[in-house]
Amino acid sequence: ALEIDIGQISIKGKTNEGLGPLGRGEAVEAL
């Protein structure tokens, strides 16, 4: 979609260690 090489993109998944809405599975956040 962005017309770039896959090596120009980094995606990391992080947990919220069970804390707050993110950790309880009530929300998802992206930066």
PDB file of all heavy atoms in Angstrom:
ATOM      1  N   ALA A   1       0.822  -1.216   0.000  1.00  0.00           N
ATOM      2  CA  ALA A   1       0.000   0.000   0.000  1.00  0.00           C
ATOM      3  C   ALA A   1       0.854   1.264   0.000  1.00  0.00           C
ATOM      4  O   ALA A   1       0.477   2.274  -0.603  1.00  0.00           O
ATOM      5  CB  ALA A   1      -0.925   0.002   1.209  1.00  0.00           C
ATOM      6  N   LEU A   2       2.001   1.198   0.665  1.00  0.00           N
ATOM      7  CA  LEU A   2       2.860   2.381   0.804  1.00  0.00           C
ATOM      8  C   LEU A   2       4.005   2.404  -0.207  1.00  0.00           C
ATOM      9  O   LEU A   2       4.871   3.278  -0.138  1.00  0.00           O
ATOM     10  CB  LEU A   2       3.400   2.449   2.234  1.00  0.00           C
ATOM     11  CG  LEU A   2       2.330   2.634   3.309  1.00  0.00           C
ATOM     12  CD1 LEU A   2       2.921   2.417   4.700  1.00  0.00           C
ATOM     13  CD2 LEU A   2       1.686   4.008   3.189  1.00  0.00           C
ATOM     14  N   GLU A   3       3.998   1.433  -1.110  1.00  0.00           N
ATOM     15  CA  GLU A   3       4.972   1.371  -2.208  1.00  0.00           C
ATOM     16  C   GLU A   3       6.421   1.416  -1.707  1.00  0.00           C
ATOM     17  O   GLU A   3       7.259   2.137  -2.240  1.00  0.00           O
ATOM     18  CB  GLU A   3       4.706   2.514  -3.198  1.00  0.00           C
ATOM     19  CG  GLU A   3       3.304   2.477  -3.770  1.00  0.00           C
ATOM     20  CD  GLU A   3       2.939   3.735  -4.548  1.00  0.00           C
ATOM     21  OE1 GLU A   3       3.838   4.526  -4.877  1.00  0.00           O
ATOM     22  OE2 GLU A   3       1.741   3.915  -4.830  1.00  0.00           O
ATOM     23  N   ILE A   4       6.682   0.636  -0.663  1.00  0.00           N
ATOM     24  CA  ILE A   4       8.040   0.538  -0.113  1.00  0.00           C
ATOM     25  C   ILE A   4       8.401  -0.932   0.062  1.00  0.00           C
ATOM     26  O   ILE A   4       7.547  -1.818  -0.035  1.00  0.00           O
ATOM     27  CB  ILE A   4       8.184   1.289   1.227  1.00  0.00           C
ATOM     28  CG1 ILE A   4       7.194   0.768   2.274  1.00  0.00           C
ATOM     29  CG2 ILE A   4       8.048   2.788   1.030  1.00  0.00           C
ATOM     30  CD1 ILE A   4       7.355   1.395   3.660  1.00  0.00           C
ATOM     31  N   ASP A   5       9.656  -1.178   0.341  1.00  0.00           N
ATOM     32  CA  ASP A   5      10.149  -2.530   0.581  1.00  0.00           C
ATOM     33  C   ASP A   5       9.734  -2.981   1.980  1.00  0.00           C
ATOM     34  O   ASP A   5       9.703  -2.170   2.914  1.00  0.00           O
ATOM     35  CB  ASP A   5      11.679  -2.541   0.452  1.00  0.00           C
ATOM     36  CG  ASP A   5      12.234  -3.940   0.550  1.00  0.00           C
ATOM     37  OD1 ASP A   5      12.124  -4.675  -0.438  1.00  0.00           O
ATOM     38  OD2 ASP A   5      12.757  -4.285   1.637  1.00  0.00           O
ATOM     39  N   ILE A   6       9.449  -4.245   2.118  1.00  0.00           N
ATOM     40  CA  ILE A   6       9.038  -4.780   3.418  1.00  0.00           C
ATOM     41  C   ILE A   6      10.087  -4.510   4.498  1.00  0.00           C
ATOM     42  O   ILE A   6       9.762  -4.345   5.671  1.00  0.00           O
ATOM     43  CB  ILE A   6       8.700  -6.287   3.310  1.00  0.00           C
ATOM     44  CG1 ILE A   6       7.983  -6.774   4.565  1.00  0.00           C
ATOM     45  CG2 ILE A   6       9.944  -7.102   3.031  1.00  0.00           C
ATOM     46  CD1 ILE A   6       7.390  -8.163   4.449  1.00  0.00           C
ATOM     47  N   GLY A   7      11.360  -4.401   4.107  1.00  0.00           N
ATOM     48  CA  GLY A   7      12.429  -4.121   5.053  1.00  0.00           C
ATOM     49  C   GLY A   7      12.401  -2.709   5.620  1.00  0.00           C
ATOM     50  O   GLY A   7      13.149  -2.397   6.548  1.00  0.00           O
ATOM     51  N   GLN A   8      11.528  -1.863   5.087  1.00  0.00           N
ATOM     52  CA  GLN A   8      11.390  -0.499   5.592  1.00  0.00           C
ATOM     53  C   GLN A   8      10.297  -0.381   6.651  1.00  0.00           C
ATOM     54  O   GLN A   8      10.018   0.708   7.131  1.00  0.00           O
ATOM     55  CB  GLN A   8      11.093   0.456   4.427  1.00  0.00           C
ATOM     56  CG  GLN A   8      12.243   0.586   3.447  1.00  0.00           C
ATOM     57  CD  GLN A   8      11.833   1.345   2.209  1.00  0.00           C
ATOM     58  OE1 GLN A   8      11.454   0.759   1.196  1.00  0.00           O
ATOM     59  NE2 GLN A   8      11.884   2.660   2.290  1.00  0.00           N
ATOM     60  N   ILE A   9       9.711  -1.530   7.009  1.00  0.00           N
ATOM     61  CA  ILE A   9       8.613  -1.536   7.979  1.00  0.00           C
ATOM     62  C   ILE A   9       8.962  -2.447   9.145  1.00  0.00           C
ATOM     63  O   ILE A   9       9.420  -3.576   8.955  1.00  0.00           O
ATOM     64  CB  ILE A   9       7.301  -2.037   7.333  1.00  0.00           C
ATOM     65  CG1 ILE A   9       6.900  -1.121   6.181  1.00  0.00           C
ATOM     66  CG2 ILE A   9       6.191  -2.128   8.370  1.00  0.00           C
ATOM     67  CD1 ILE A   9       5.686  -1.593   5.420  1.00  0.00           C
ATOM     68  N   SER A  10       8.708  -1.952  10.342  1.00  0.00           N
ATOM     69  CA  SER A  10       8.874  -2.748  11.554  1.00  0.00           C
ATOM     70  C   SER A  10       7.549  -2.748  12.308  1.00  0.00           C
ATOM     71  O   SER A  10       6.965  -1.687  12.540  1.00  0.00           O
ATOM     72  CB  SER A  10       9.976  -2.152  12.438  1.00  0.00           C
ATOM     73  OG  SER A  10      10.024  -2.831  13.674  1.00  0.00           O
ATOM     74  N   ILE A  11       7.086  -3.930  12.655  1.00  0.00           N
ATOM     75  CA  ILE A  11       5.858  -4.084  13.438  1.00  0.00           C
ATOM     76  C   ILE A  11       6.211  -4.900  14.682  1.00  0.00           C
ATOM     77  O   ILE A  11       6.794  -5.977  14.566  1.00  0.00           O
ATOM     78  CB  ILE A  11       4.754  -4.843  12.657  1.00  0.00           C
ATOM     79  CG1 ILE A  11       4.438  -4.162  11.321  1.00  0.00           C
ATOM     80  CG2 ILE A  11       3.515  -5.038  13.514  1.00  0.00           C
ATOM     81  CD1 ILE A  11       3.668  -2.894  11.410  1.00  0.00           C
ATOM     82  N   LYS A  12       5.839  -4.375  15.834  1.00  0.00           N
ATOM     83  CA  LYS A  12       6.109  -5.082  17.082  1.00  0.00           C
ATOM     84  C   LYS A  12       4.813  -5.216  17.867  1.00  0.00           C
ATOM     85  O   LYS A  12       4.058  -4.254  17.973  1.00  0.00           O
ATOM     86  CB  LYS A  12       7.145  -4.319  17.910  1.00  0.00           C
ATOM     87  CG  LYS A  12       8.482  -4.173  17.184  1.00  0.00           C
ATOM     88  CD  LYS A  12       9.454  -3.297  17.929  1.00  0.00           C
ATOM     89  CE  LYS A  12       9.083  -1.859  17.988  1.00  0.00           C
ATOM     90  NZ  LYS A  12       9.183  -1.092  16.750  1.00  0.00           N
ATOM     91  N   GLY A  13       4.573  -6.383  18.397  1.00  0.00           N
ATOM     92  CA  GLY A  13       3.433  -6.600  19.275  1.00  0.00           C
ATOM     93  C   GLY A  13       3.902  -6.591  20.713  1.00  0.00           C
ATOM     94  O   GLY A  13       4.899  -7.237  21.049  1.00  0.00           O
ATOM     95  N   LYS A  14       3.212  -5.849  21.557  1.00  0.00           N
ATOM     96  CA  LYS A  14       3.538  -5.768  22.980  1.00  0.00           C
ATOM     97  C   LYS A  14       2.290  -6.048  23.788  1.00  0.00           C
ATOM     98  O   LYS A  14       1.177  -5.763  23.358  1.00  0.00           O
ATOM     99  CB  LYS A  14       4.066  -4.371  23.352  1.00  0.00           C
ATOM    100  CG  LYS A  14       5.314  -3.956  22.599  1.00  0.00           C
ATOM    101  CD  LYS A  14       6.475  -4.824  22.982  1.00  0.00           C
ATOM    102  CE  LYS A  14       7.736  -4.421  22.227  1.00  0.00           C
ATOM    103  NZ  LYS A  14       8.831  -5.315  22.457  1.00  0.00           N
ATOM    104  N   THR A  15       2.488  -6.600  24.970  1.00  0.00           N
ATOM    105  CA  THR A  15       1.356  -6.810  25.866  1.00  0.00           C
ATOM    106  C   THR A  15       1.341  -5.696  26.901  1.00  0.00           C
ATOM    107  O   THR A  15       2.289  -4.926  27.029  1.00  0.00           O
ATOM    108  CB  THR A  15       1.445  -8.163  26.594  1.00  0.00           C
ATOM    109  OG1 THR A  15       2.531  -8.123  27.521  1.00  0.00           O
ATOM    110  CG2 THR A  15       1.618  -9.306  25.609  1.00  0.00           C
ATOM    111  N   ASN A  16       0.248  -5.630  27.638  1.00  0.00           N
ATOM    112  CA  ASN A  16       0.137  -4.670  28.729  1.00  0.00           C
ATOM    113  C   ASN A  16       0.170  -5.412  30.068  1.00  0.00           C
ATOM    114  O   ASN A  16      -0.284  -4.880  31.080  1.00  0.00           O
ATOM    115  CB  ASN A  16      -1.126  -3.833  28.579  1.00  0.00           C
ATOM    116  CG  ASN A  16      -0.917  -2.393  28.932  1.00  0.00           C
ATOM    117  OD1 ASN A  16       0.117  -1.827  28.596  1.00  0.00           O
ATOM    118  ND2 ASN A  16      -1.876  -1.785  29.607  1.00  0.00           N
ATOM    119  N   GLU A  17       0.674  -6.645  30.017  1.00  0.00           N
ATOM    120  CA  GLU A  17       0.867  -7.461  31.220  1.00  0.00           C
ATOM    121  C   GLU A  17      -0.396  -7.592  32.064  1.00  0.00           C
ATOM    122  O   GLU A  17      -0.336  -7.617  33.294  1.00  0.00           O
ATOM    123  CB  GLU A  17       2.011  -6.896  32.064  1.00  0.00           C
ATOM    124  CG  GLU A  17       3.346  -6.819  31.343  1.00  0.00           C
ATOM    125  CD  GLU A  17       3.918  -8.183  31.000  1.00  0.00           C
ATOM    126  OE1 GLU A  17       3.709  -9.151  31.771  1.00  0.00           O
ATOM    127  OE2 GLU A  17       4.559  -8.291  29.940  1.00  0.00           O
ATOM    128  N   GLY A  18      -1.547  -7.661  31.395  1.00  0.00           N
ATOM    129  CA  GLY A  18      -2.812  -7.841  32.102  1.00  0.00           C
ATOM    130  C   GLY A  18      -3.334  -6.584  32.788  1.00  0.00           C
ATOM    131  O   GLY A  18      -4.353  -6.635  33.468  1.00  0.00           O
ATOM    132  N   LEU A  19      -2.659  -5.467  32.607  1.00  0.00           N
ATOM    133  CA  LEU A  19      -3.048  -4.234  33.294  1.00  0.00           C
ATOM    134  C   LEU A  19      -3.958  -3.364  32.436  1.00  0.00           C
ATOM    135  O   LEU A  19      -3.754  -3.230  31.229  1.00  0.00           O
ATOM    136  CB  LEU A  19      -1.796  -3.428  33.660  1.00  0.00           C
ATOM    137  CG  LEU A  19      -0.816  -4.124  34.595  1.00  0.00           C
ATOM    138  CD1 LEU A  19       0.443  -3.293  34.755  1.00  0.00           C
ATOM    139  CD2 LEU A  19      -1.465  -4.380  35.946  1.00  0.00           C
ATOM    140  N   GLY A  20      -4.936  -2.752  33.058  1.00  0.00           N
ATOM    141  CA  GLY A  20      -5.808  -1.785  32.402  1.00  0.00           C
ATOM    142  C   GLY A  20      -6.649  -2.387  31.294  1.00  0.00           C
ATOM    143  O   GLY A  20      -6.673  -3.605  31.085  1.00  0.00           O
ATOM    144  N   PRO A  21      -7.362  -1.528  30.559  1.00  0.00           N
ATOM    145  CA  PRO A  21      -8.233  -2.000  29.482  1.00  0.00           C
ATOM    146  C   PRO A  21      -7.493  -2.785  28.399  1.00  0.00           C
ATOM    147  O   PRO A  21      -8.030  -3.741  27.849  1.00  0.00           O
ATOM    148  CB  PRO A  21      -8.825  -0.713  28.898  1.00  0.00           C
ATOM    149  CG  PRO A  21      -8.623   0.327  29.933  1.00  0.00           C
ATOM    150  CD  PRO A  21      -7.439  -0.082  30.744  1.00  0.00           C
ATOM    151  N   LEU A  22      -6.251  -2.403  28.099  1.00  0.00           N
ATOM    152  CA  LEU A  22      -5.479  -3.130  27.091  1.00  0.00           C
ATOM    153  C   LEU A  22      -5.159  -4.534  27.579  1.00  0.00           C
ATOM    154  O   LEU A  22      -5.262  -5.508  26.835  1.00  0.00           O
ATOM    155  CB  LEU A  22      -4.192  -2.381  26.750  1.00  0.00           C
ATOM    156  CG  LEU A  22      -4.383  -1.031  26.062  1.00  0.00           C
ATOM    157  CD1 LEU A  22      -3.093  -0.229  26.082  1.00  0.00           C
ATOM    158  CD2 LEU A  22      -4.881  -1.206  24.654  1.00  0.00           C
ATOM    159  N   GLY A  23      -4.769  -4.658  28.826  1.00  0.00           N
ATOM    160  CA  GLY A  23      -4.411  -5.952  29.392  1.00  0.00           C
ATOM    161  C   GLY A  23      -5.602  -6.857  29.631  1.00  0.00           C
ATOM    162  O   GLY A  23      -5.466  -8.081  29.633  1.00  0.00           O
ATOM    163  N   ARG A  24      -6.771  -6.260  29.829  1.00  0.00           N
ATOM    164  CA  ARG A  24      -7.988  -7.058  30.049  1.00  0.00           C
ATOM    165  C   ARG A  24      -8.689  -7.424  28.744  1.00  0.00           C
ATOM    166  O   ARG A  24      -9.760  -8.011  28.756  1.00  0.00           O
ATOM    167  CB  ARG A  24      -8.954  -6.287  30.946  1.00  0.00           C
ATOM    168  CG  ARG A  24      -8.498  -6.171  32.386  1.00  0.00           C
ATOM    169  CD  ARG A  24      -9.610  -5.628  33.286  1.00  0.00           C
ATOM    170  NE  ARG A  24     -10.093  -4.329  32.861  1.00  0.00           N
ATOM    171  CZ  ARG A  24      -9.631  -3.152  33.300  1.00  0.00           C
ATOM    172  NH1 ARG A  24      -8.666  -3.116  34.174  1.00  0.00           N
ATOM    173  NH2 ARG A  24     -10.156  -2.022  32.858  1.00  0.00           N
ATOM    174  N   GLY A  25      -8.133  -7.037  27.602  1.00  0.00           N
ATOM    175  CA  GLY A  25      -8.754  -7.355  26.319  1.00  0.00           C
ATOM    176  C   GLY A  25      -9.934  -6.476  25.978  1.00  0.00           C
ATOM    177  O   GLY A  25     -10.763  -6.838  25.148  1.00  0.00           O
ATOM    178  N   GLU A  26      -9.997  -5.301  26.587  1.00  0.00           N
ATOM    179  CA  GLU A  26     -11.104  -4.381  26.330  1.00  0.00           C
ATOM    180  C   GLU A  26     -10.760  -3.357  25.249  1.00  0.00           C
ATOM    181  O   GLU A  26     -11.643  -2.644  24.771  1.00  0.00           O
ATOM    182  CB  GLU A  26     -11.471  -3.633  27.615  1.00  0.00           C
ATOM    183  CG  GLU A  26     -11.961  -4.551  28.720  1.00  0.00           C
ATOM    184  CD  GLU A  26     -12.062  -3.841  30.072  1.00  0.00           C
ATOM    185  OE1 GLU A  26     -11.853  -2.601  30.137  1.00  0.00           O
ATOM    186  OE2 GLU A  26     -12.351  -4.534  31.054  1.00  0.00           O
ATOM    187  N   ALA A  27      -9.481  -3.277  24.885  1.00  0.00           N
ATOM    188  CA  ALA A  27      -9.052  -2.270  23.909  1.00  0.00           C
ATOM    189  C   ALA A  27      -7.777  -2.728  23.224  1.00  0.00           C
ATOM    190  O   ALA A  27      -7.091  -3.639  23.697  1.00  0.00           O
ATOM    191  CB  ALA A  27      -8.826  -0.923  24.609  1.00  0.00           C
ATOM    192  N   VAL A  28      -7.474  -2.067  22.108  1.00  0.00           N
ATOM    193  CA  VAL A  28      -6.224  -2.277  21.371  1.00  0.00           C
ATOM    194  C   VAL A  28      -5.681  -0.898  21.030  1.00  0.00           C
ATOM    195  O   VAL A  28      -6.436   0.023  20.725  1.00  0.00           O
ATOM    196  CB  VAL A  28      -6.437  -3.138  20.100  1.00  0.00           C
ATOM    197  CG1 VAL A  28      -7.436  -2.507  19.152  1.00  0.00           C
ATOM    198  CG2 VAL A  28      -5.113  -3.420  19.406  1.00  0.00           C
ATOM    199  N   GLU A  29      -4.350  -0.757  21.115  1.00  0.00           N
ATOM    200  CA  GLU A  29      -3.701   0.516  20.846  1.00  0.00           C
ATOM    201  C   GLU A  29      -2.576   0.305  19.840  1.00  0.00           C
ATOM    202  O   GLU A  29      -1.948  -0.752  19.823  1.00  0.00           O
ATOM    203  CB  GLU A  29      -3.121   1.098  22.138  1.00  0.00           C
ATOM    204  CG  GLU A  29      -2.458   2.435  21.979  1.00  0.00           C
ATOM    205  CD  GLU A  29      -1.960   3.004  23.298  1.00  0.00           C
ATOM    206  OE1 GLU A  29      -1.729   2.241  24.265  1.00  0.00           O
ATOM    207  OE2 GLU A  29      -1.795   4.236  23.355  1.00  0.00           O
ATOM    208  N   ALA A  30      -2.327   1.304  19.020  1.00  0.00           N
ATOM    209  CA  ALA A  30      -1.212   1.253  18.082  1.00  0.00           C
ATOM    210  C   ALA A  30      -0.484   2.590  18.094  1.00  0.00           C
ATOM    211  O   ALA A  30      -1.098   3.645  18.209  1.00  0.00           O
ATOM    212  CB  ALA A  30      -1.701   0.939  16.678  1.00  0.00           C
ATOM    213  N   LEU A  31       0.836   2.501  17.966  1.00  0.00           N
ATOM    214  CA  LEU A  31       1.698   3.662  17.850  1.00  0.00           C
ATOM    215  C   LEU A  31       2.489   3.503  16.561  1.00  0.00           C
ATOM    216  O   LEU A  31       2.891   2.376  16.219  1.00  0.00           O
ATOM    217  CB  LEU A  31       2.674   3.749  19.029  1.00  0.00           C
ATOM    218  CG  LEU A  31       2.068   3.753  20.417  1.00  0.00           C
ATOM    219  CD1 LEU A  31       3.146   3.552  21.457  1.00  0.00           C
ATOM    220  CD2 LEU A  31       1.324   5.042  20.655  1.00  0.00           C
TER     221      LEU A  31
END
